[in-house]
Protein backbone atom coordinates (compact mmCIF):
# COMPACT_ATOMS: atom_id res chain seq x y z
CA MET A 1 5.32 17.74 -10.25
CA ILE A 2 1.80 19.13 -10.10
CA LEU A 3 -0.70 18.94 -12.94
CA SER A 4 -0.96 22.68 -13.37
CA ASP A 5 2.75 22.69 -14.29
CA LEU A 6 1.69 21.09 -17.58
CA LEU A 7 -0.86 23.73 -18.55
CA VAL A 8 1.81 25.73 -20.39
CA TYR A 9 1.50 23.16 -23.19
CA ASP A 10 -1.34 23.07 -25.74
CA ASP A 11 -0.63 20.04 -27.96
CA ILE A 12 -0.97 17.28 -25.36
CA VAL A 13 -1.04 13.51 -25.97
CA ILE A 14 -1.70 11.04 -23.14
CA GLN A 15 -0.39 7.51 -23.67
CA CYS A 16 -0.85 4.45 -21.46
CA HIS A 17 1.06 1.19 -21.83
CA ASP A 18 0.44 -1.35 -24.58
CA ASN A 19 -2.21 -3.99 -23.84
CA PRO A 20 -3.77 -1.58 -21.33
CA ASP A 21 -5.45 -2.80 -18.19
CA ALA A 22 -8.24 -1.08 -16.24
CA ASP A 23 -5.89 1.14 -14.24
CA ALA A 24 -4.08 2.37 -17.35
CA LEU A 25 -7.39 3.24 -19.02
CA ALA A 26 -8.75 4.95 -15.89
CA SER A 27 -5.53 6.95 -15.43
CA GLY A 28 -5.56 8.22 -18.99
CA PHE A 29 -9.28 9.00 -18.71
CA ALA A 30 -8.60 11.06 -15.57
CA LEU A 31 -5.86 13.08 -17.25
CA HIS A 32 -8.09 13.64 -20.29
CA PHE A 33 -10.84 14.88 -17.93
CA TYR A 34 -8.48 17.28 -16.16
CA PHE A 35 -6.94 18.85 -19.26
CA THR A 36 -10.30 19.14 -21.00
CA LYS A 37 -11.71 20.89 -17.94
CA MET A 38 -8.77 23.28 -18.05
CA GLY A 39 -9.56 24.28 -21.64
CA LYS A 40 -7.12 22.02 -23.47
CA ASN A 41 -7.86 19.54 -26.26
CA PRO A 42 -5.86 16.43 -25.24
CA LYS A 43 -5.71 13.14 -27.13
CA PHE A 44 -5.62 9.80 -25.25
CA ILE A 45 -4.03 6.83 -27.06
CA TYR A 46 -2.59 3.36 -26.62
CA ARG A 47 -0.34 1.56 -29.06
CA GLY A 48 1.26 -1.85 -29.49
CA ARG A 49 0.36 -4.93 -31.50
CA ASN A 50 -2.95 -5.78 -29.85
CA LYS A 51 -6.26 -4.01 -29.63
CA ILE A 52 -8.26 -4.41 -26.41
CA ARG A 53 -10.20 -7.70 -26.47
CA LYS A 54 -10.90 -8.60 -22.82
CA SER A 55 -14.62 -8.62 -22.05
CA ASN A 56 -14.43 -6.55 -18.87
CA LEU A 57 -12.32 -3.86 -20.55
CA LYS A 58 -14.63 -3.65 -23.56
CA ILE A 59 -17.55 -3.12 -21.15
CA MET A 60 -15.47 -0.49 -19.35
CA LEU A 61 -14.66 1.40 -22.57
CA THR A 62 -18.25 1.41 -23.79
CA SER A 63 -20.23 1.90 -20.57
CA LEU A 64 -17.91 4.56 -19.13
CA GLU A 65 -17.36 6.32 -22.44
CA ILE A 66 -13.57 6.37 -22.11
CA PRO A 67 -12.14 8.64 -24.86
CA VAL A 68 -9.18 6.45 -25.87
CA SER A 69 -8.14 5.47 -29.38
CA TYR A 70 -5.94 2.61 -30.62
CA GLU A 71 -3.07 4.15 -32.59
CA PRO A 72 -0.51 1.45 -33.52
CA ASP A 73 1.11 3.65 -36.20
CA TYR A 74 0.93 7.01 -34.44
CA ASP A 75 3.54 9.37 -35.93
CA HIS A 76 2.51 12.82 -34.71
CA VAL A 77 5.18 14.50 -32.56
CA PRO A 78 3.25 16.38 -29.82
CA GLU A 79 4.44 19.31 -27.79
CA LEU A 80 3.87 17.24 -24.65
CA LEU A 81 3.55 13.48 -24.23
CA ILE A 82 2.33 12.18 -20.84
CA THR A 83 2.80 8.47 -20.20
CA CYS A 84 0.53 7.18 -17.44
CA ASP A 85 0.74 3.86 -15.57
CA CYS A 86 4.10 3.34 -17.28
CA GLN A 87 7.43 5.06 -17.84
CA HIS A 88 8.60 6.42 -21.20
CA GLY A 89 11.29 4.07 -22.47
CA GLN A 90 10.04 0.92 -20.76
CA ARG A 91 9.51 -2.21 -22.83
CA ASN A 92 5.78 -2.34 -22.13
CA VAL A 93 5.01 0.94 -23.93
CA THR A 94 5.65 1.64 -27.62
CA LYS A 95 7.92 4.66 -27.81
CA THR A 96 6.25 7.82 -29.09
CA GLU A 97 8.46 10.76 -30.01
CA ALA A 98 7.63 14.10 -28.39
CA ARG A 99 9.21 17.50 -27.80
CA ASN A 100 8.59 17.18 -24.06
CA VAL A 101 7.77 14.11 -21.94
CA ALA A 102 6.07 13.76 -18.56
CA VAL A 103 5.63 10.53 -16.59
CA ILE A 104 2.94 9.69 -14.02
CA ASP A 105 3.15 6.18 -12.57
CA HIS A 106 2.98 3.98 -9.49
CA HIS A 107 5.42 1.22 -10.45
CA GLN A 108 9.06 0.83 -9.48
CA ILE A 109 11.38 3.17 -11.36
CA THR A 110 13.30 1.21 -14.00
CA VAL A 111 14.37 3.89 -16.52
CA LYS A 112 15.81 7.39 -16.38
CA LEU A 113 12.88 9.70 -15.71
CA PRO A 114 12.32 13.10 -17.33
CA GLU A 115 12.29 16.24 -15.20
CA LEU A 116 8.48 16.31 -15.41
CA CYS A 117 7.49 13.24 -13.42
CA GLU A 118 5.39 12.01 -10.51
CA VAL A 119 6.09 8.39 -9.56
CA ARG A 120 4.71 7.07 -6.26
CA SER A 121 5.67 3.42 -6.01
CA SER A 122 3.85 2.88 -2.71
CA MET A 123 0.41 3.47 -4.26
CA GLY A 124 -1.84 0.59 -5.27
CA SER A 125 -2.78 2.19 -8.58
CA CYS A 126 -1.86 5.01 -10.92
CA SER A 127 -5.49 6.08 -10.58
CA THR A 128 -4.78 6.91 -6.92
CA VAL A 129 -1.78 9.05 -7.84
CA ILE A 130 -3.78 11.04 -10.39
CA TRP A 131 -6.83 11.27 -8.10
CA ASP A 132 -4.65 12.89 -5.45
CA MET A 133 -3.06 15.23 -8.00
CA ILE A 134 -6.46 16.33 -9.34
CA ARG A 135 -7.77 16.76 -5.79
CA SER A 136 -4.76 18.98 -5.01
CA GLU A 137 -5.90 21.23 -7.87
CA GLY A 138 -9.25 21.71 -6.10
CA ILE A 139 -11.20 19.54 -8.56
CA ASP A 140 -13.56 16.69 -7.62
CA VAL A 141 -13.51 13.73 -10.03
CA ASN A 142 -17.05 12.90 -8.86
CA GLU A 143 -18.18 15.61 -11.27
CA ASN A 144 -18.02 12.75 -13.79
CA ARG A 145 -19.48 9.55 -12.31
CA HIS A 146 -18.13 7.53 -15.24
CA LEU A 147 -14.64 8.71 -14.36
CA ALA A 148 -15.09 8.00 -10.64
CA THR A 149 -16.26 4.47 -11.47
CA ALA A 150 -13.31 3.93 -13.81
CA MET A 151 -10.79 5.06 -11.17
CA TYR A 152 -12.36 2.79 -8.55
CA TYR A 153 -12.19 -0.14 -10.98
CA GLY A 154 -8.57 0.73 -11.80
CA LEU A 155 -7.57 0.38 -8.16
CA TYR A 156 -9.89 -2.61 -7.71
CA THR A 157 -8.21 -4.60 -10.48
CA ASP A 158 -4.62 -3.48 -9.79
CA THR A 159 -4.90 -4.60 -6.16
CA ASN A 160 -6.57 -7.96 -6.79
CA ARG A 161 -10.11 -6.89 -5.88
CA LEU A 162 -8.74 -4.49 -3.21
CA SER A 163 -7.01 -7.29 -1.29
CA GLU A 164 -3.60 -5.66 -1.82
CA VAL A 165 -4.57 -2.09 -0.85
CA SER A 166 -2.06 -0.83 1.70
CA HIS A 167 -1.52 2.93 1.36
CA PRO A 168 -4.01 5.20 3.15
CA LEU A 169 -4.42 7.37 0.03
CA ASP A 170 -5.75 4.31 -1.80
CA ARG A 171 -8.34 3.91 0.95
CA ASP A 172 -9.11 7.63 0.93
CA MET A 173 -9.89 7.47 -2.78
CA LEU A 174 -12.16 4.46 -2.29
CA ASP A 175 -14.07 6.35 0.40
CA ASN A 176 -14.35 9.49 -1.72
CA LEU A 177 -15.54 8.13 -5.07
CA THR A 178 -19.20 8.01 -6.03
CA ILE A 179 -19.47 5.00 -8.31
CA ASN A 180 -21.83 2.83 -10.33
CA LYS A 181 -21.71 -0.30 -8.17
CA SER A 182 -23.74 -2.45 -10.54
CA LEU A 183 -21.28 -1.75 -13.34
CA ILE A 184 -18.34 -2.69 -11.09
CA THR A 185 -20.13 -5.99 -10.43
CA GLU A 186 -20.79 -6.54 -14.13
CA MET A 187 -17.17 -5.91 -15.10
CA SER A 188 -15.88 -8.07 -12.24
CA ASN A 189 -18.05 -10.98 -13.34
CA SER A 190 -16.77 -10.69 -16.91
CA ASN A 191 -13.14 -10.93 -15.89
CA ILE A 192 -12.33 -14.56 -16.62
CA SER A 193 -12.46 -16.04 -20.08
CA LEU A 194 -12.84 -19.76 -20.76
CA GLU A 195 -9.15 -19.86 -21.63
CA GLU A 196 -8.27 -18.28 -18.27
CA LEU A 197 -10.50 -20.80 -16.53
CA LYS A 198 -8.38 -23.51 -18.16
CA ILE A 199 -5.19 -21.71 -17.03
CA THR A 200 -6.52 -21.69 -13.46
CA GLY A 201 -7.22 -25.42 -13.48
CA LYS A 202 -3.84 -26.34 -14.95
CA ALA A 203 -1.99 -24.15 -12.44
CA ILE A 204 -3.73 -25.65 -9.42
CA LEU A 205 -2.87 -29.18 -10.57
CA ASP A 206 0.83 -28.30 -10.73
CA TYR A 207 1.48 -27.16 -7.15
CA GLU A 208 4.59 -27.42 -4.99
CA TYR A 209 3.92 -28.11 -1.30
CA HIS A 210 6.42 -27.39 1.48
CA GLU A 211 5.33 -29.48 4.43
CA ASP A 212 7.80 -28.02 6.96
CA HIS A 213 6.14 -24.60 6.86
CA ARG A 214 2.79 -25.65 5.34
CA TYR A 215 2.89 -23.41 2.26
CA LEU A 216 2.08 -23.90 -1.42
CA ILE A 217 3.78 -22.37 -4.45
CA ILE A 218 1.74 -22.45 -7.65
CA ARG A 219 3.10 -21.33 -11.03
CA SER A 220 0.60 -20.18 -13.63
CA GLU A 221 0.82 -19.27 -17.28
CA PRO A 222 0.74 -15.50 -17.92
CA CYS A 223 -2.78 -14.26 -17.27
CA ASP A 224 -4.79 -11.37 -15.86
CA PRO A 225 -3.29 -10.65 -12.40
CA ASN A 226 -6.72 -11.17 -10.82
CA ILE A 227 -6.53 -14.83 -11.85
CA LEU A 228 -3.64 -15.24 -9.42
CA GLY A 229 -5.98 -14.15 -6.63
CA VAL A 230 -8.53 -16.74 -7.75
CA ILE A 231 -5.83 -19.43 -7.71
CA SER A 232 -4.40 -18.52 -4.30
CA ASP A 233 -7.85 -18.08 -2.76
CA PHE A 234 -8.85 -21.55 -3.95
CA ALA A 235 -5.59 -23.06 -2.66
CA MET A 236 -6.29 -21.64 0.80
CA GLU A 237 -9.37 -23.88 1.04
CA THR A 238 -6.99 -26.85 1.27
CA ALA A 239 -6.39 -28.64 4.57
CA GLU A 240 -2.79 -28.42 5.83
CA VAL A 241 -2.10 -25.25 3.82
CA ASP A 242 -1.43 -22.10 5.86
CA VAL A 243 0.06 -19.92 3.11
CA ALA A 244 -0.34 -19.96 -0.67
CA ILE A 245 1.73 -18.07 -3.24
CA ALA A 246 0.58 -18.08 -6.88
CA TYR A 247 2.64 -16.40 -9.59
CA TYR A 248 3.34 -16.05 -13.28
CA LEU A 249 6.36 -14.79 -15.22
CA GLY A 250 5.43 -12.40 -18.00
CA PRO A 251 7.63 -10.52 -20.48
CA ASN A 252 7.88 -7.42 -18.26
CA GLU A 253 7.40 -8.65 -14.69
CA LEU A 254 6.85 -11.55 -12.35
CA LYS A 255 3.47 -11.05 -10.69
CA PHE A 256 2.55 -12.91 -7.49
CA SER A 257 -0.35 -13.23 -5.08
CA VAL A 258 -0.02 -14.19 -1.40
CA ARG A 259 -2.64 -15.60 0.95
CA SER A 260 -2.28 -16.50 4.62
CA CYS A 261 -4.71 -17.91 7.18
CA VAL A 262 -2.39 -17.93 10.20
CA LYS A 263 -1.53 -15.03 12.48
CA GLU A 264 2.18 -15.92 12.44
CA VAL A 265 2.49 -14.91 8.77
CA HIS A 266 1.25 -11.51 7.59
CA ALA A 267 0.64 -11.76 3.86
CA ASN A 268 1.59 -8.11 3.30
CA GLU A 269 4.90 -8.56 5.12
CA LEU A 270 5.74 -11.71 3.14
CA ALA A 271 4.88 -9.92 -0.13
CA ALA A 272 7.09 -6.96 0.79
CA PHE A 273 9.92 -9.30 1.81
CA ILE A 274 9.76 -11.19 -1.49
CA ALA A 275 9.90 -7.99 -3.56
CA GLU A 276 12.30 -5.91 -1.47
CA ASN A 277 14.70 -3.95 -3.74
CA ILE A 278 13.62 -5.92 -6.83
CA GLY A 279 9.99 -4.83 -7.20
CA GLY A 280 7.13 -3.92 -4.91
CA GLY A 281 4.64 -5.70 -2.68
CA GLY A 282 1.97 -5.07 -0.05
CA GLY A 283 -1.65 -5.52 0.94
CA HIS A 284 -3.50 -6.79 4.00
CA LEU A 285 -2.64 -9.20 6.80
CA PHE A 286 -4.21 -12.17 5.01
CA LYS A 287 -4.28 -11.08 1.34
CA ALA A 288 -1.42 -9.40 -0.51
CA GLY A 289 0.63 -9.46 -3.68
CA GLY A 290 3.38 -7.82 -5.64
CA THR A 291 5.73 -7.77 -8.58
CA ILE A 292 9.37 -8.55 -9.31
CA ARG A 293 11.04 -6.69 -12.18
CA PRO A 294 13.30 -9.01 -14.26
CA GLU A 295 15.73 -6.21 -15.07
CA MET A 296 16.40 -5.76 -11.33
CA VAL A 297 17.56 -9.34 -10.68
CA GLU A 298 20.34 -11.57 -11.88
CA GLY A 299 19.84 -15.24 -12.64
CA ASP A 300 16.75 -17.43 -12.49
CA ILE A 301 13.84 -15.22 -11.41
CA ASP A 302 11.72 -18.24 -10.39
CA GLY A 303 14.57 -19.42 -8.20
CA ILE A 304 14.89 -16.00 -6.57
CA LEU A 305 11.18 -16.04 -5.69
CA GLU A 306 11.45 -19.45 -4.02
CA LYS A 307 14.71 -18.50 -2.27
CA ARG A 308 13.14 -15.40 -0.75
CA ILE A 309 10.14 -17.36 0.52
CA GLU A 310 12.50 -19.85 2.20
CA GLU A 311 14.57 -17.01 3.69
CA TYR A 312 11.45 -15.40 5.13
CA TYR A 313 10.59 -18.56 7.07
CA ASP A 314 14.17 -19.16 8.16
CA ILE A 315 15.06 -15.74 9.61
CA TYR A 316 12.14 -15.04 11.96
CA LYS A 317 11.77 -16.27 15.52
CA VAL A 318 8.28 -15.93 17.04
CA ILE A 319 7.93 -14.55 20.60
CA TYR A 320 4.68 -14.41 22.60
CA ALA A 321 5.24 -11.72 25.25
CA LYS A 322 2.58 -12.93 27.68
CA ASP A 323 4.35 -16.31 27.90
CA THR A 324 7.92 -14.99 27.77
CA THR A 325 10.31 -13.55 30.33
CA LEU A 326 13.45 -12.10 28.80
CA ASP A 327 16.89 -12.63 30.31
CA THR A 328 17.96 -9.05 31.04
CA SER A 329 21.47 -9.95 32.26
CA ASP A 330 22.97 -9.05 28.87
CA MET A 331 20.76 -5.96 28.35
CA HIS A 332 21.52 -2.33 29.24
CA LEU A 333 19.14 -0.17 31.27
CA TYR A 334 17.80 2.94 29.53
CA THR A 335 15.54 5.84 30.35
CA LYS A 336 13.51 8.09 28.05
CA LEU A 337 14.91 11.31 26.64
CA GLU A 338 12.74 14.41 26.66
CA GLN A 339 10.44 14.33 23.62
CA ARG A 340 7.86 16.73 22.27
CA LEU A 341 5.05 14.65 20.83
CA GLY A 342 1.46 15.22 19.84
CA THR A 343 -1.75 14.07 21.48
CA VAL A 344 -5.43 14.34 20.58
CA HIS A 345 -8.39 13.92 22.90
CA LEU A 346 -10.78 12.07 20.60
CA THR A 347 -13.87 13.62 22.21
CA ASP A 348 -12.65 16.94 20.73
CA ILE A 349 -13.33 15.41 17.29
CA PHE A 350 -16.41 13.22 17.86
CA PRO A 351 -18.62 12.60 20.93
CA ALA A 352 -17.97 9.79 23.39
CA GLY A 353 -19.60 6.56 22.28
CA THR A 354 -18.83 7.15 18.58
CA LEU A 355 -17.32 4.22 16.66
CA VAL A 356 -14.52 5.67 14.53
CA GLU A 357 -11.87 4.50 12.10
CA ILE A 358 -8.47 6.16 12.49
CA ARG A 359 -6.58 6.08 9.20
CA THR A 360 -2.79 6.30 9.33
CA LEU A 361 0.18 5.33 7.19
CA GLU A 362 0.51 2.14 9.24
CA GLY A 363 -3.11 1.08 8.66
CA ASP A 364 -6.65 1.60 9.95
CA VAL A 365 -7.52 1.34 13.65
CA ASN A 366 -11.13 1.08 14.84
CA VAL A 367 -12.00 2.35 18.33
CA THR A 368 -15.11 3.40 20.23
CA ILE A 369 -14.41 6.81 21.72
CA SER A 370 -14.64 7.20 25.48
CA GLU A 371 -13.85 10.17 27.69
CA ASP A 372 -10.52 8.47 28.43
CA THR A 373 -9.49 7.86 24.77
CA TYR A 374 -6.53 9.80 23.39
CA LEU A 375 -4.23 9.44 20.41
CA MET A 376 -0.46 9.82 20.50
CA ILE A 377 1.38 11.20 17.46
CA GLY A 378 4.98 10.02 17.36
CA ILE A 379 8.08 11.66 15.94
CA GLU A 380 7.54 10.10 12.50
CA GLY A 381 3.79 10.65 12.48
CA GLU A 382 2.94 7.20 13.82
CA ILE A 383 -0.43 7.05 15.57
CA TYR A 384 -1.57 4.85 18.43
CA PRO A 385 -4.40 5.02 21.00
CA ILE A 386 -3.55 5.66 24.66
CA SER A 387 -5.63 5.98 27.80
CA GLY A 388 -5.87 9.32 29.55
CA GLU A 389 -4.50 7.80 32.75
CA LYS A 390 -1.39 6.43 31.07
CA LEU A 391 -0.92 9.68 29.15
CA GLN A 392 -1.02 11.79 32.31
CA ASN A 393 1.37 9.44 34.11
CA SER A 394 3.93 9.57 31.30
CA TYR A 395 3.70 13.06 29.76
CA ASP A 396 3.35 16.73 30.72
CA PHE A 397 0.71 18.79 28.90
CA THR A 398 1.88 22.13 27.46
CA GLY A 399 -1.40 23.49 26.08
CA PHE A 400 0.35 24.43 22.83
CA CYS A 401 -0.71 23.23 19.39
CA PHE A 402 1.28 20.40 17.82
CA SER A 403 2.23 21.21 14.24
CA LYS A 404 4.35 18.97 12.04
CA THR A 405 4.22 17.77 8.44
CA PHE A 406 4.24 14.05 7.72
CA GLU A 407 4.06 11.89 4.59
CA TYR A 408 0.38 11.23 5.34
CA GLU A 409 -1.65 13.20 7.84
CA PRO A 410 -4.07 10.91 9.71
CA ILE A 411 -7.84 11.27 9.54
CA VAL A 412 -10.73 10.05 11.70
CA LYS A 413 -13.92 8.71 10.15
CA ASN A 414 -17.25 8.40 11.96
CA LEU A 415 -18.28 4.88 10.93
CA VAL A 416 -21.96 5.62 11.53
CA SER A 417 -22.37 8.94 9.71
CA GLY A 418 -19.40 8.62 7.34
CA GLU A 419 -18.13 12.09 8.34
CA ILE A 420 -14.36 12.47 8.00
CA LYS A 421 -12.21 14.92 9.98
CA PRO A 422 -8.42 15.53 10.01
CA VAL A 423 -6.50 14.76 13.21
CA MET A 424 -3.74 17.38 13.16
CA PRO A 425 -5.89 20.52 13.80
CA TYR A 426 -6.88 19.02 17.18
CA ALA A 427 -3.36 17.99 18.23
CA LYS A 428 -1.68 19.43 21.33
CA THR A 429 1.97 19.17 22.36
CA VAL A 430 3.00 16.99 25.27
CA ILE A 431 6.46 16.49 26.71
CA SER A 432 7.87 13.23 27.99
CA PRO A 433 10.00 14.21 31.01
CA PRO A 434 13.47 12.65 31.10
CA GLY A 435 13.94 9.78 33.49
CA THR A 436 10.57 8.10 32.89
CA ALA A 437 9.83 4.65 31.48
CA ARG A 438 13.00 2.78 32.42
CA ILE A 439 13.58 -0.15 30.12
CA PHE A 440 16.05 -2.94 29.48
CA ALA A 441 16.99 -3.13 25.80
CA LYS A 442 19.47 -4.59 23.35
CA PRO A 443 19.90 -4.69 19.56
CA LEU A 444 18.40 -7.68 17.82
CA GLU A 445 20.89 -10.14 16.36
CA ASN A 446 18.12 -12.09 14.61
CA ALA A 447 14.77 -11.06 13.18
CA ILE A 448 11.70 -11.69 15.34
CA LYS A 449 7.93 -11.54 15.27
CA LEU A 450 6.62 -10.28 18.60
CA PHE A 451 3.06 -10.81 19.81
CA THR A 452 2.72 -8.24 22.60
CA ALA A 453 0.99 -8.93 25.90
CA TRP A 454 -1.91 -6.62 24.93
CA ASP A 455 -2.44 -8.01 21.41
CA ASP A 456 -1.85 -11.70 20.70
CA GLU A 457 -3.49 -11.60 17.25
CA LYS A 458 -1.13 -9.19 15.45
CA TYR A 459 2.64 -9.31 15.67
CA TYR A 460 5.23 -6.55 15.38
CA SER A 461 8.30 -7.30 13.26
CA GLY A 462 11.81 -6.57 14.46
CA ASN A 463 14.83 -6.87 12.20
CA VAL A 464 18.55 -6.98 12.85
CA GLY A 465 19.54 -3.52 14.14
CA ASP A 466 16.18 -2.85 15.78
CA TYR A 467 15.92 -3.12 19.57
CA ILE A 468 13.97 -5.49 21.75
CA ALA A 469 12.91 -3.81 24.99
CA VAL A 470 11.09 -4.67 28.22
CA ARG A 471 9.88 -2.31 30.94
CA GLU A 472 11.82 -2.58 34.18
CA ASP A 473 8.58 -2.80 36.19
CA ASP A 474 6.71 -5.27 33.93
CA PRO A 475 8.55 -8.36 32.58
CA HIS A 476 5.83 -9.09 30.01
CA ASP A 477 5.63 -5.55 28.57
CA ILE A 478 7.96 -6.44 25.72
CA TYR A 479 8.10 -4.41 22.52
CA ILE A 480 10.16 -3.49 19.45
CA ILE A 481 11.85 -0.11 18.93
CA LYS A 482 13.12 0.69 15.44
CA GLY A 483 16.87 1.11 15.32
CA ARG A 484 16.70 4.47 13.52
CA LEU A 485 14.60 5.86 16.40
CA PHE A 486 16.22 4.33 19.46
CA ASP A 487 18.93 6.94 20.11
CA LYS A 488 16.36 9.72 19.65
CA LEU A 489 14.12 8.23 22.34
CA TYR A 490 16.35 6.72 25.03
CA LYS A 491 19.68 7.19 26.81
CA MET A 492 21.62 4.50 28.64
CA ILE A 493 21.81 4.50 32.45
CA ARG A 494 24.06 1.49 32.78
């Protein structure tokens, strides 16, 4: 769905979930801005039993002039109802009757959606989804600085002060918005009430420590999700604690926060593992979080959380490639199939010596451009730096443009000037000749975390069905190849 699809309607009501948080308010504000700009007269409401009382949200409503009204007994039947940051029919939003319904959200889908919908569960906030939709209409939300500030704060609060941001579109929005920084600071410092301070103290006193893997589990009373970040951050100050998980069970979801201070546990991976198929999770290597939806699990939801944490520690074996030599006697020998991939000479985008940030779906990579710095673009749009020497030894240049569409097209940002340029217009096609890069490989029978020989600070995860591989001419060049890609990339020699 695109926003302009909805312009056929005139009587438009925007509704966020009951007990709205900052992201719900920012999302509704953004939709109100868009439809007003397009000549409509929308109404933005929230319902439920409780009027907004939290200090930070009251500051947000007043200082940013958010045009929302509390309508607990709303009985008008609009031509179009748009629910934002929630899904029509969910328990967390009072049902409003309407002739037509649209849904815009970033949570896991838990109800039957109407035909008019845009749900992107990988985004950190609904504000991001709507920012991208408005941008696609050729409109800049920075026309209204109050709105830009609200959308930033929506993502800020929904991702635990940005610690759980994982999707590149979330980061793109953060880079794009022109905000009132002092107001963000004011709202952030008005986030905890005295009652929530008491909740924090009680939760920390009632911890559960697992000595074998040096992690803490802390259960809190229901609270603002940011409080979980406060709790887990404080727990990480403790000696003999490598990982901390704080959580609460509310009426509509179990919310959790993850912190790690060891390279063998990526917080974002643990969060995603906990929530797989029953919610959503993500973030950064050392700070992450997520949710579990009660309606998607059977049995004791607290027990499922603890079981998944234990499973995470039990299934992975850690391998350090620089200290490991694999036994290749039970591995087959493979060679590369011909592949048409993309490459970019980074000096075509910015001059040599420029410090840049390359933003991709897998994360941000910072490099200083040299004459020998290239990027490879894989068959699924994955991006990784490569030296010119290695590129020329492994691929043939065609001189033709490389044109493909991916879920997210990477960008390059000059970290000094702030200038941002897309990668794909500079991409050229290269061919990997068959018969190159002979490797030994076999499917994984157990999950592993692999620290490669060229990076012993960040591991690559391999799961059952993926392949572990090692170059025939370098016993320590060990890496993981995803199972869904292996047959597209290699053929067996023997």
